[in-house]
């Protein structure tokens, strides 16, 4: 594993070369945040199989990022016939009903004071893109930035997910959200007066609920999260900037990236050229962080213990 640390936080990253037992087609390999340790509160992030040291690569842990090659409904995005690309992982193909990385991305890593930068460029399955991930510590804040550029002649359509695994307290998590946040009625979660809670404790690896949280276009997502070892909670900020009239939905972005500019495709219609900044995770004194920005497009995010 690779590490970045200062007097407050220590961040562990999976090494794209030596930690391949933990890596697969779901999450980007470069800048994969495996764990964030706070000086006083200990490890801040978990995962579906936590505390197992060897979770399945599909489940993972920490604060990875995912550039989806298919929609949740199974429609192909970055596929060209039997081959495709999982941006940040590599060229992918079906093998006996299972998806595997057949040609991994070649990543370069450039450490610097309190941070590191990962870069890869891959041409495969008719696509040609470059991905850069930068993760930095600023005191008690961890900031992560992603920059994705399409060098191919055809649009690159994909979905991008920020995927931090926050720790649960007795199987539950609670968040304070902006008053403007909305959530469809569902059997797993509730939202009332800005307070997000679970309706029940999920059981096992395959139990859970997926819902899209709604915010007005251009409004950042700021929240406080409960945490089992941090009495004052973690602060998390997720920001999607509007540029030149572009609106985004938090958490899931459909987008097509051409060689000369980026285009964000929302679930209904096509938006004009854009630039993104992603998120900020902030935590008060005593706990830690996790996070991820670009032109063509880009996102930025931070985490800080409160």
C-alpha atoms as a PDB file:
ATOM      1  CA  UNK A   1       0.000   0.000   0.000  1.00  0.00           C
ATOM      2  CA  UNK A   2       0.924   3.639  -0.467  1.00  0.00           C
ATOM      3  CA  UNK A   3       0.587   6.198   2.337  1.00  0.00           C
ATOM      4  CA  UNK A   4       0.263   9.967   2.725  1.00  0.00           C
ATOM      5  CA  UNK A   5       0.237  11.505   6.204  1.00  0.00           C
ATOM      6  CA  UNK A   6       0.624  14.624   8.307  1.00  0.00           C
ATOM      7  CA  UNK A   7       0.230  15.254  12.032  1.00  0.00           C
ATOM      8  CA  UNK A   8      -3.552  14.777  11.896  1.00  0.00           C
ATOM      9  CA  UNK A   9      -4.455  12.183   9.266  1.00  0.00           C
ATOM     10  CA  UNK A  10      -2.890   9.145   7.619  1.00  0.00           C
ATOM     11  CA  UNK A  11      -4.295   7.960   4.290  1.00  0.00           C
ATOM     12  CA  UNK A  12      -3.729   4.501   2.802  1.00  0.00           C
ATOM     13  CA  UNK A  13      -4.065   3.916  -0.957  1.00  0.00           C
ATOM     14  CA  UNK A  14      -4.130   0.701  -2.922  1.00  0.00           C
ATOM     15  CA  UNK A  15      -1.086   0.325  -5.173  1.00  0.00           C
ATOM     16  CA  UNK A  16      -2.293  -0.305  -8.768  1.00  0.00           C
ATOM     17  CA  UNK A  17       0.585  -2.766  -9.277  1.00  0.00           C
ATOM     18  CA  UNK A  18       1.086  -4.639  -6.026  1.00  0.00           C
ATOM     19  CA  UNK A  19      -2.457  -4.630  -4.579  1.00  0.00           C
ATOM     20  CA  UNK A  20      -4.269  -6.195  -7.536  1.00  0.00           C
ATOM     21  CA  UNK A  21      -5.860  -8.825  -5.314  1.00  0.00           C
ATOM     22  CA  UNK A  22      -8.097  -5.985  -4.044  1.00  0.00           C
ATOM     23  CA  UNK A  23      -8.779  -4.516  -7.497  1.00  0.00           C
ATOM     24  CA  UNK A  24     -11.286  -5.328 -10.217  1.00  0.00           C
ATOM     25  CA  UNK A  25     -13.451  -3.709 -12.923  1.00  0.00           C
ATOM     26  CA  UNK A  26     -15.750  -1.725 -10.609  1.00  0.00           C
ATOM     27  CA  UNK A  27     -13.503   0.981  -9.110  1.00  0.00           C
ATOM     28  CA  UNK A  28     -10.690   3.135 -10.522  1.00  0.00           C
ATOM     29  CA  UNK A  29      -7.286   1.714  -9.485  1.00  0.00           C
ATOM     30  CA  UNK A  30      -5.239   4.920  -9.228  1.00  0.00           C
ATOM     31  CA  UNK A  31      -5.787   7.048  -6.117  1.00  0.00           C
ATOM     32  CA  UNK A  32      -8.049   4.396  -4.556  1.00  0.00           C
ATOM     33  CA  UNK A  33      -8.439   5.556  -0.933  1.00  0.00           C
ATOM     34  CA  UNK A  34      -8.449   2.375   1.134  1.00  0.00           C
ATOM     35  CA  UNK A  35      -8.544   3.911   4.607  1.00  0.00           C
ATOM     36  CA  UNK A  36      -8.245   7.228   6.431  1.00  0.00           C
ATOM     37  CA  UNK A  37      -6.858   7.108   9.975  1.00  0.00           C
ATOM     38  CA  UNK A  38      -7.505   9.945  12.379  1.00  0.00           C
ATOM     39  CA  UNK A  39      -4.907  10.678  15.035  1.00  0.00           C
ATOM     40  CA  UNK A  40      -7.419  10.205  17.863  1.00  0.00           C
ATOM     41  CA  UNK A  41     -10.495   8.491  16.372  1.00  0.00           C
ATOM     42  CA  UNK A  42      -8.726   5.729  14.436  1.00  0.00           C
ATOM     43  CA  UNK A  43      -9.999   4.392  11.081  1.00  0.00           C
ATOM     44  CA  UNK A  44     -12.851   6.489   9.693  1.00  0.00           C
ATOM     45  CA  UNK A  45     -14.085   4.418   6.736  1.00  0.00           C
ATOM     46  CA  UNK A  46     -15.432   0.891   6.397  1.00  0.00           C
ATOM     47  CA  UNK A  47     -16.952  -1.289   3.659  1.00  0.00           C
ATOM     48  CA  UNK A  48     -19.578  -4.014   3.070  1.00  0.00           C
ATOM     49  CA  UNK A  49     -17.260  -6.714   4.471  1.00  0.00           C
ATOM     50  CA  UNK A  50     -15.522  -4.587   7.115  1.00  0.00           C
ATOM     51  CA  UNK A  51     -13.399  -5.438   9.068  1.00  0.00           C
ATOM     52  CA  UNK A  52     -12.248  -8.246   6.768  1.00  0.00           C
ATOM     53  CA  UNK A  53      -8.744  -7.476   5.407  1.00  0.00           C
ATOM     54  CA  UNK A  54      -9.616  -9.224   2.125  1.00  0.00           C
ATOM     55  CA  UNK A  55     -13.015  -8.005   0.901  1.00  0.00           C
ATOM     56  CA  UNK A  56     -14.083  -8.986  -2.597  1.00  0.00           C
ATOM     57  CA  UNK A  57     -12.853  -6.410  -5.141  1.00  0.00           C
ATOM     58  CA  UNK A  58     -16.456  -5.673  -6.164  1.00  0.00           C
ATOM     59  CA  UNK A  59     -17.342  -4.714  -2.580  1.00  0.00           C
ATOM     60  CA  UNK A  60     -14.138  -2.878  -1.692  1.00  0.00           C
ATOM     61  CA  UNK A  61     -13.827  -0.409   1.175  1.00  0.00           C
ATOM     62  CA  UNK A  62     -12.718   3.145   1.941  1.00  0.00           C
ATOM     63  CA  UNK A  63     -13.506   5.917  -0.574  1.00  0.00           C
ATOM     64  CA  UNK A  64     -13.064   4.656  -4.147  1.00  0.00           C
ATOM     65  CA  UNK A  65     -14.469   6.181  -7.347  1.00  0.00           C
ATOM     66  CA  UNK A  66     -16.387   4.400 -10.068  1.00  0.00           C
ATOM     67  CA  UNK A  67     -16.687   5.317 -13.747  1.00  0.00           C
ATOM     68  CA  UNK A  68     -19.495   2.970 -14.698  1.00  0.00           C
ATOM     69  CA  UNK A  69     -19.292   1.207 -18.036  1.00  0.00           C
ATOM     70  CA  UNK A  70     -22.968   0.194 -17.875  1.00  0.00           C
ATOM     71  CA  UNK A  71     -26.016   1.894 -16.414  1.00  0.00           C
ATOM     72  CA  UNK A  72     -27.628   0.355 -13.343  1.00  0.00           C
ATOM     73  CA  UNK A  73     -30.212  -1.022 -15.744  1.00  0.00           C
ATOM     74  CA  UNK A  74     -27.487  -2.830 -17.720  1.00  0.00           C
ATOM     75  CA  UNK A  75     -27.389  -0.617 -20.831  1.00  0.00           C
ATOM     76  CA  UNK A  76     -23.821  -0.426 -22.270  1.00  0.00           C
ATOM     77  CA  UNK A  77     -21.936   2.867 -21.989  1.00  0.00           C
ATOM     78  CA  UNK A  78     -18.206   2.390 -22.658  1.00  0.00           C
ATOM     79  CA  UNK A  79     -18.554  -0.813 -24.665  1.00  0.00           C
ATOM     80  CA  UNK A  80     -17.701  -1.619 -28.274  1.00  0.00           C
ATOM     81  CA  UNK A  81     -19.014  -5.078 -29.089  1.00  0.00           C
ATOM     82  CA  UNK A  82     -17.552  -7.744 -26.757  1.00  0.00           C
ATOM     83  CA  UNK A  83     -14.906  -5.406 -25.285  1.00  0.00           C
ATOM     84  CA  UNK A  84     -15.214  -2.264 -23.215  1.00  0.00           C
ATOM     85  CA  UNK A  85     -13.288   0.015 -20.865  1.00  0.00           C
ATOM     86  CA  UNK A  86     -13.771   0.658 -17.168  1.00  0.00           C
ATOM     87  CA  UNK A  87     -12.074   4.060 -16.921  1.00  0.00           C
ATOM     88  CA  UNK A  88      -9.274   3.854 -14.392  1.00  0.00           C
ATOM     89  CA  UNK A  89      -9.293   0.037 -14.255  1.00  0.00           C
ATOM     90  CA  UNK A  90      -8.667  -1.091 -17.839  1.00  0.00           C
ATOM     91  CA  UNK A  91     -10.033  -2.924 -20.843  1.00  0.00           C
ATOM     92  CA  UNK A  92     -12.795  -5.313 -19.818  1.00  0.00           C
ATOM     93  CA  UNK A  93     -14.543  -8.365 -21.244  1.00  0.00           C
ATOM     94  CA  UNK A  94     -17.016 -11.046 -20.190  1.00  0.00           C
ATOM     95  CA  UNK A  95     -15.357 -14.335 -19.308  1.00  0.00           C
ATOM     96  CA  UNK A  96     -17.661 -17.254 -18.586  1.00  0.00           C
ATOM     97  CA  UNK A  97     -20.377 -14.909 -17.354  1.00  0.00           C
ATOM     98  CA  UNK A  98     -17.987 -12.949 -15.129  1.00  0.00           C
ATOM     99  CA  UNK A  99     -16.565  -9.526 -15.923  1.00  0.00           C
ATOM    100  CA  UNK A 100     -12.787  -9.197 -15.741  1.00  0.00           C
ATOM    101  CA  UNK A 101     -10.049  -6.695 -16.567  1.00  0.00           C
ATOM    102  CA  UNK A 102      -8.126  -8.129 -19.525  1.00  0.00           C
ATOM    103  CA  UNK A 103      -5.684  -5.221 -19.997  1.00  0.00           C
ATOM    104  CA  UNK A 104      -5.147  -3.097 -16.878  1.00  0.00           C
ATOM    105  CA  UNK A 105      -4.360   0.597 -17.051  1.00  0.00           C
ATOM    106  CA  UNK A 106      -0.688   1.465 -16.618  1.00  0.00           C
ATOM    107  CA  UNK A 107      -0.516   4.043 -13.827  1.00  0.00           C
ATOM    108  CA  UNK A 108       2.336   6.411 -12.944  1.00  0.00           C
ATOM    109  CA  UNK A 109       2.518   7.789  -9.398  1.00  0.00           C
ATOM    110  CA  UNK A 110       4.172  11.102  -8.468  1.00  0.00           C
ATOM    111  CA  UNK A 111       4.410  11.719  -4.693  1.00  0.00           C
ATOM    112  CA  UNK A 112       4.768  15.242  -3.322  1.00  0.00           C
ATOM    113  CA  UNK A 113       4.573  16.888   0.093  1.00  0.00           C
ATOM    114  CA  UNK A 114       1.385  15.620   1.801  1.00  0.00           C
ATOM    115  CA  UNK A 115      -0.053  14.191  -1.405  1.00  0.00           C
ATOM    116  CA  UNK A 116       0.345  12.181  -4.587  1.00  0.00           C
ATOM    117  CA  UNK A 117      -0.804  12.278  -8.212  1.00  0.00           C
ATOM    118  CA  UNK A 118      -1.760   9.247 -10.311  1.00  0.00           C
ATOM    119  CA  UNK A 119      -1.943   9.378 -14.134  1.00  0.00           C
ATOM    120  CA  UNK A 120      -2.944   6.882 -16.783  1.00  0.00           C
ATOM    121  CA  UNK A 121      -3.758   6.945 -20.484  1.00  0.00           C
ATOM    122  CA  UNK A 122      -5.321   4.012 -22.252  1.00  0.00           C
ATOM    123  CA  UNK A 123      -6.478   3.304 -25.804  1.00  0.00           C
ATOM    124  CA  UNK A 124      -8.669   0.190 -25.901  1.00  0.00           C
ATOM    125  CA  UNK A 125     -11.955  -1.083 -27.341  1.00  0.00           C
ATOM    126  CA  UNK A 126     -12.177   1.966 -29.634  1.00  0.00           C
ATOM    127  CA  UNK A 127     -11.771   4.477 -26.791  1.00  0.00           C
ATOM    128  CA  UNK A 128      -8.801   6.709 -25.931  1.00  0.00           C
ATOM    129  CA  UNK A 129      -8.838   8.598 -22.624  1.00  0.00           C
ATOM    130  CA  UNK A 130      -6.606   9.967 -19.884  1.00  0.00           C
ATOM    131  CA  UNK A 131      -7.423   9.975 -16.179  1.00  0.00           C
ATOM    132  CA  UNK A 132      -5.559  11.907 -13.504  1.00  0.00           C
ATOM    133  CA  UNK A 133      -6.212  11.573  -9.757  1.00  0.00           C
ATOM    134  CA  UNK A 134      -4.684  13.939  -7.190  1.00  0.00           C
ATOM    135  CA  UNK A 135      -5.102  13.446  -3.428  1.00  0.00           C
ATOM    136  CA  UNK A 136      -3.763  15.986  -0.920  1.00  0.00           C
ATOM    137  CA  UNK A 137      -3.861  16.614   2.814  1.00  0.00           C
ATOM    138  CA  UNK A 138      -4.478  20.140   4.100  1.00  0.00           C
ATOM    139  CA  UNK A 139      -4.328  19.930   7.895  1.00  0.00           C
ATOM    140  CA  UNK A 140      -7.430  17.960   8.865  1.00  0.00           C
ATOM    141  CA  UNK A 141      -8.852  18.030   5.373  1.00  0.00           C
ATOM    142  CA  UNK A 142      -8.377  15.433   2.658  1.00  0.00           C
ATOM    143  CA  UNK A 143      -8.967  16.714  -0.867  1.00  0.00           C
ATOM    144  CA  UNK A 144      -9.248  14.470  -3.908  1.00  0.00           C
ATOM    145  CA  UNK A 145      -9.467  15.693  -7.511  1.00  0.00           C
ATOM    146  CA  UNK A 146     -10.161  13.727 -10.695  1.00  0.00           C
ATOM    147  CA  UNK A 147      -9.535  14.885 -14.259  1.00  0.00           C
ATOM    148  CA  UNK A 148     -10.833  12.816 -17.163  1.00  0.00           C
ATOM    149  CA  UNK A 149      -9.992  13.731 -20.774  1.00  0.00           C
ATOM    150  CA  UNK A 150     -11.274  12.035 -23.903  1.00  0.00           C
ATOM    151  CA  UNK A 151      -8.598  11.839 -26.626  1.00  0.00           C
ATOM    152  CA  UNK A 152     -10.733   9.764 -28.969  1.00  0.00           C
ATOM    153  CA  UNK A 153     -12.813  10.939 -31.893  1.00  0.00           C
ATOM    154  CA  UNK A 154     -16.131   9.618 -30.533  1.00  0.00           C
ATOM    155  CA  UNK A 155     -18.052  10.776 -27.447  1.00  0.00           C
ATOM    156  CA  UNK A 156     -17.307   8.950 -24.199  1.00  0.00           C
ATOM    157  CA  UNK A 157     -20.561   8.302 -22.326  1.00  0.00           C
ATOM    158  CA  UNK A 158     -20.367   7.111 -18.730  1.00  0.00           C
ATOM    159  CA  UNK A 159     -21.707   7.406 -15.204  1.00  0.00           C
ATOM    160  CA  UNK A 160     -19.455   8.620 -12.402  1.00  0.00           C
ATOM    161  CA  UNK A 161     -19.986   7.732  -8.744  1.00  0.00           C
ATOM    162  CA  UNK A 162     -18.339   9.022  -5.589  1.00  0.00           C
ATOM    163  CA  UNK A 163     -18.374   5.908  -3.438  1.00  0.00           C
ATOM    164  CA  UNK A 164     -17.234   6.515   0.178  1.00  0.00           C
ATOM    165  CA  UNK A 165     -18.140   3.791   2.662  1.00  0.00           C
ATOM    166  CA  UNK A 166     -18.979   5.673   5.840  1.00  0.00           C
ATOM    167  CA  UNK A 167     -19.000   3.855   9.160  1.00  0.00           C
ATOM    168  CA  UNK A 168     -22.325   2.813  10.712  1.00  0.00           C
ATOM    169  CA  UNK A 169     -23.298   3.028  14.370  1.00  0.00           C
ATOM    170  CA  UNK A 170     -25.178  -0.112  15.421  1.00  0.00           C
ATOM    171  CA  UNK A 171     -25.940  -0.756  11.764  1.00  0.00           C
ATOM    172  CA  UNK A 172     -27.332   2.713  11.068  1.00  0.00           C
ATOM    173  CA  UNK A 173     -26.240   6.125   9.842  1.00  0.00           C
ATOM    174  CA  UNK A 174     -27.874   9.546  10.220  1.00  0.00           C
ATOM    175  CA  UNK A 175     -27.209  12.755   8.283  1.00  0.00           C
ATOM    176  CA  UNK A 176     -28.192  16.405   8.551  1.00  0.00           C
ATOM    177  CA  UNK A 177     -28.874  17.592   4.977  1.00  0.00           C
ATOM    178  CA  UNK A 178     -29.764  20.941   3.367  1.00  0.00           C
ATOM    179  CA  UNK A 179     -33.469  21.826   3.708  1.00  0.00           C
ATOM    180  CA  UNK A 180     -33.773  21.754  -0.098  1.00  0.00           C
ATOM    181  CA  UNK A 181     -32.753  18.078  -0.337  1.00  0.00           C
ATOM    182  CA  UNK A 182     -35.429  15.667  -1.548  1.00  0.00           C
ATOM    183  CA  UNK A 183     -35.721  11.882  -1.446  1.00  0.00           C
ATOM    184  CA  UNK A 184     -38.365   9.657  -3.086  1.00  0.00           C
ATOM    185  CA  UNK A 185     -40.470   7.534  -0.781  1.00  0.00           C
ATOM    186  CA  UNK A 186     -38.759   4.174  -0.339  1.00  0.00           C
ATOM    187  CA  UNK A 187     -38.584   1.281   2.150  1.00  0.00           C
ATOM    188  CA  UNK A 188     -35.008   1.917   3.315  1.00  0.00           C
ATOM    189  CA  UNK A 189     -34.506   5.595   4.113  1.00  0.00           C
ATOM    190  CA  UNK A 190     -36.469   8.587   5.394  1.00  0.00           C
ATOM    191  CA  UNK A 191     -35.922  12.335   5.042  1.00  0.00           C
ATOM    192  CA  UNK A 192     -37.808  14.809   7.204  1.00  0.00           C
ATOM    193  CA  UNK A 193     -36.894  18.453   7.884  1.00  0.00           C
ATOM    194  CA  UNK A 194     -33.364  17.883   6.581  1.00  0.00           C
ATOM    195  CA  UNK A 195     -32.757  14.810   8.756  1.00  0.00           C
ATOM    196  CA  UNK A 196     -31.831  11.643   6.838  1.00  0.00           C
ATOM    197  CA  UNK A 197     -32.273   8.342   8.709  1.00  0.00           C
ATOM    198  CA  UNK A 198     -32.569   4.615   8.050  1.00  0.00           C
ATOM    199  CA  UNK A 199     -35.943   2.952   8.461  1.00  0.00           C
ATOM    200  CA  UNK A 200     -34.340  -0.358   9.346  1.00  0.00           C
ATOM    201  CA  UNK A 201     -30.982  -2.086   9.793  1.00  0.00           C
ATOM    202  CA  UNK A 202     -29.824  -3.815   6.600  1.00  0.00           C
ATOM    203  CA  UNK A 203     -28.843  -7.446   6.968  1.00  0.00           C
ATOM    204  CA  UNK A 204     -25.898  -9.070   5.139  1.00  0.00           C
ATOM    205  CA  UNK A 205     -24.060  -8.140   1.952  1.00  0.00           C
ATOM    206  CA  UNK A 206     -27.022  -8.138  -0.405  1.00  0.00           C
ATOM    207  CA  UNK A 207     -29.558  -6.209   1.641  1.00  0.00           C
ATOM    208  CA  UNK A 208     -29.830  -2.458   1.148  1.00  0.00           C
ATOM    209  CA  UNK A 209     -31.551   0.358  -0.702  1.00  0.00           C
ATOM    210  CA  UNK A 210     -30.435   2.552  -3.641  1.00  0.00           C
ATOM    211  CA  UNK A 211     -32.069   5.956  -4.088  1.00  0.00           C
ATOM    212  CA  UNK A 212     -31.020   9.219  -5.736  1.00  0.00           C
ATOM    213  CA  UNK A 213     -30.931  12.233  -3.460  1.00  0.00           C
ATOM    214  CA  UNK A 214     -32.193  15.381  -5.161  1.00  0.00           C
ATOM    215  CA  UNK A 215     -30.852  18.948  -4.883  1.00  0.00           C
ATOM    216  CA  UNK A 216     -31.489  22.101  -6.944  1.00  0.00           C
ATOM    217  CA  UNK A 217     -28.992  22.474  -9.814  1.00  0.00           C
ATOM    218  CA  UNK A 218     -25.783  24.168  -8.714  1.00  0.00           C
ATOM    219  CA  UNK A 219     -26.416  23.817  -4.974  1.00  0.00           C
ATOM    220  CA  UNK A 220     -23.637  22.005  -3.064  1.00  0.00           C
ATOM    221  CA  UNK A 221     -24.486  19.054  -0.842  1.00  0.00           C
ATOM    222  CA  UNK A 222     -23.340  19.707   2.724  1.00  0.00           C
ATOM    223  CA  UNK A 223     -24.062  17.293   5.509  1.00  0.00           C
ATOM    224  CA  UNK A 224     -23.014  16.055   8.905  1.00  0.00           C
ATOM    225  CA  UNK A 225     -22.753  12.313   9.375  1.00  0.00           C
ATOM    226  CA  UNK A 226     -22.934  10.218  12.493  1.00  0.00           C
ATOM    227  CA  UNK A 227     -19.797   8.200  13.263  1.00  0.00           C
ATOM    228  CA  UNK A 228     -19.237   5.449  15.864  1.00  0.00           C
ATOM    229  CA  UNK A 229     -15.852   6.713  17.120  1.00  0.00           C
ATOM    230  CA  UNK A 230     -16.203  10.438  16.524  1.00  0.00           C
ATOM    231  CA  UNK A 231     -18.602  12.148  18.915  1.00  0.00           C
ATOM    232  CA  UNK A 232     -18.797  15.377  16.906  1.00  0.00           C
ATOM    233  CA  UNK A 233     -19.501  13.649  13.570  1.00  0.00           C
ATOM    234  CA  UNK A 234     -17.895  14.000  10.162  1.00  0.00           C
ATOM    235  CA  UNK A 235     -18.635  16.888   7.881  1.00  0.00           C
ATOM    236  CA  UNK A 236     -19.084  16.053   4.219  1.00  0.00           C
ATOM    237  CA  UNK A 237     -19.496  18.491   1.364  1.00  0.00           C
ATOM    238  CA  UNK A 238     -20.238  17.437  -2.215  1.00  0.00           C
ATOM    239  CA  UNK A 239     -20.226  20.206  -4.789  1.00  0.00           C
ATOM    240  CA  UNK A 240     -21.182  20.035  -8.448  1.00  0.00           C
ATOM    241  CA  UNK A 241     -20.527  23.436 -10.000  1.00  0.00           C
ATOM    242  CA  UNK A 242     -22.672  24.891 -12.729  1.00  0.00           C
ATOM    243  CA  UNK A 243     -20.606  26.293 -15.586  1.00  0.00           C
ATOM    244  CA  UNK A 244     -22.044  27.966 -18.670  1.00  0.00           C
ATOM    245  CA  UNK A 245     -25.561  26.973 -17.764  1.00  0.00           C
ATOM    246  CA  UNK A 246     -24.880  23.338 -16.956  1.00  0.00           C
ATOM    247  CA  UNK A 247     -26.935  21.668 -14.230  1.00  0.00           C
ATOM    248  CA  UNK A 248     -26.025  18.376 -12.597  1.00  0.00           C
ATOM    249  CA  UNK A 249     -27.668  15.926 -10.262  1.00  0.00           C
ATOM    250  CA  UNK A 250     -25.612  15.025  -7.212  1.00  0.00           C
ATOM    251  CA  UNK A 251     -24.092  11.565  -6.972  1.00  0.00           C
ATOM    252  CA  UNK A 252     -24.800  10.339 -10.509  1.00  0.00           C
ATOM    253  CA  UNK A 253     -23.691  12.106 -13.666  1.00  0.00           C
ATOM    254  CA  UNK A 254     -24.400  10.890 -17.181  1.00  0.00           C
ATOM    255  CA  UNK A 255     -21.959  12.503 -19.534  1.00  0.00           C
ATOM    256  CA  UNK A 256     -20.538  12.377 -22.978  1.00  0.00           C
ATOM    257  CA  UNK A 257     -17.031  13.747 -23.384  1.00  0.00           C
ATOM    258  CA  UNK A 258     -15.815  14.711 -26.829  1.00  0.00           C
ATOM    259  CA  UNK A 259     -12.223  15.506 -27.733  1.00  0.00           C
ATOM    260  CA  UNK A 260     -12.669  19.275 -27.586  1.00  0.00           C
ATOM    261  CA  UNK A 261     -15.242  19.708 -24.881  1.00  0.00           C
ATOM    262  CA  UNK A 262     -17.340  17.871 -22.348  1.00  0.00           C
ATOM    263  CA  UNK A 263     -21.036  17.400 -22.515  1.00  0.00           C
ATOM    264  CA  UNK A 264     -23.142  16.294 -19.554  1.00  0.00           C
ATOM    265  CA  UNK A 265     -26.172  14.212 -20.380  1.00  0.00           C
ATOM    266  CA  UNK A 266     -28.770  14.260 -17.669  1.00  0.00           C
ATOM    267  CA  UNK A 267     -31.390  11.563 -17.399  1.00  0.00           C
ATOM    268  CA  UNK A 268     -33.656  13.782 -19.507  1.00  0.00           C
ATOM    269  CA  UNK A 269     -31.991  15.732 -22.301  1.00  0.00           C
ATOM    270  CA  UNK A 270     -28.491  16.983 -23.060  1.00  0.00           C
ATOM    271  CA  UNK A 271     -26.751  19.833 -21.263  1.00  0.00           C
ATOM    272  CA  UNK A 272     -24.193  22.240 -22.784  1.00  0.00           C
ATOM    273  CA  UNK A 273     -20.376  22.048 -22.275  1.00  0.00           C
ATOM    274  CA  UNK A 274     -19.355  21.793 -18.641  1.00  0.00           C
ATOM    275  CA  UNK A 275     -16.751  21.773 -15.947  1.00  0.00           C
ATOM    276  CA  UNK A 276     -17.290  19.916 -12.660  1.00  0.00           C
ATOM    277  CA  UNK A 277     -15.917  20.189  -9.166  1.00  0.00           C
ATOM    278  CA  UNK A 278     -16.771  17.304  -6.987  1.00  0.00           C
ATOM    279  CA  UNK A 279     -16.880  17.166  -3.229  1.00  0.00           C
ATOM    280  CA  UNK A 280     -15.514  18.224   0.061  1.00  0.00           C
ATOM    281  CA  UNK A 281     -15.503  16.049   3.120  1.00  0.00           C
ATOM    282  CA  UNK A 282     -14.799  17.998   6.243  1.00  0.00           C
ATOM    283  CA  UNK A 283     -14.447  16.674   9.739  1.00  0.00           C
ATOM    284  CA  UNK A 284     -13.957  18.550  13.000  1.00  0.00           C
ATOM    285  CA  UNK A 285     -11.104  18.178  15.429  1.00  0.00           C
ATOM    286  CA  UNK A 286     -10.764  14.514  16.367  1.00  0.00           C
ATOM    287  CA  UNK A 287     -11.892  12.588  13.240  1.00  0.00           C
ATOM    288  CA  UNK A 288     -10.778  12.083   9.663  1.00  0.00           C
ATOM    289  CA  UNK A 289     -11.623  12.334   5.975  1.00  0.00           C
ATOM    290  CA  UNK A 290     -12.161  11.104   2.418  1.00  0.00           C
ATOM    291  CA  UNK A 291     -12.838  12.656  -1.038  1.00  0.00           C
ATOM    292  CA  UNK A 292     -12.597  13.757  -5.342  1.00  0.00           C
ATOM    293  CA  UNK A 293     -12.685  17.483  -9.944  1.00  0.00           C
ATOM    294  CA  UNK A 294     -11.678  18.166 -14.056  1.00  0.00           C
ATOM    295  CA  UNK A 295     -12.185  19.923 -17.243  1.00  0.00           C
ATOM    296  CA  UNK A 296     -13.397  17.479 -19.797  1.00  0.00           C
ATOM    297  CA  UNK A 297     -14.842  16.993 -17.042  1.00  0.00           C
ATOM    298  CA  UNK A 298     -13.547  17.421 -13.443  1.00  0.00           C
ATOM    299  CA  UNK A 299     -14.564  17.023  -9.805  1.00  0.00           C
ATOM    300  CA  UNK A 300     -13.093  17.878  -6.434  1.00  0.00           C
ATOM    301  CA  UNK A 301     -13.871  16.630  -2.947  1.00  0.00           C
ATOM    302  CA  UNK A 302     -12.746  16.909   0.677  1.00  0.00           C
ATOM    303  CA  UNK A 303     -13.216  15.298   4.057  1.00  0.00           C
ATOM    304  CA  UNK A 304     -12.505  16.701   7.467  1.00  0.00           C
ATOM    305  CA  UNK A 305     -13.263  15.394  11.001  1.00  0.00           C
ATOM    306  CA  UNK A 306     -15.511  17.800  12.903  1.00  0.00           C
END
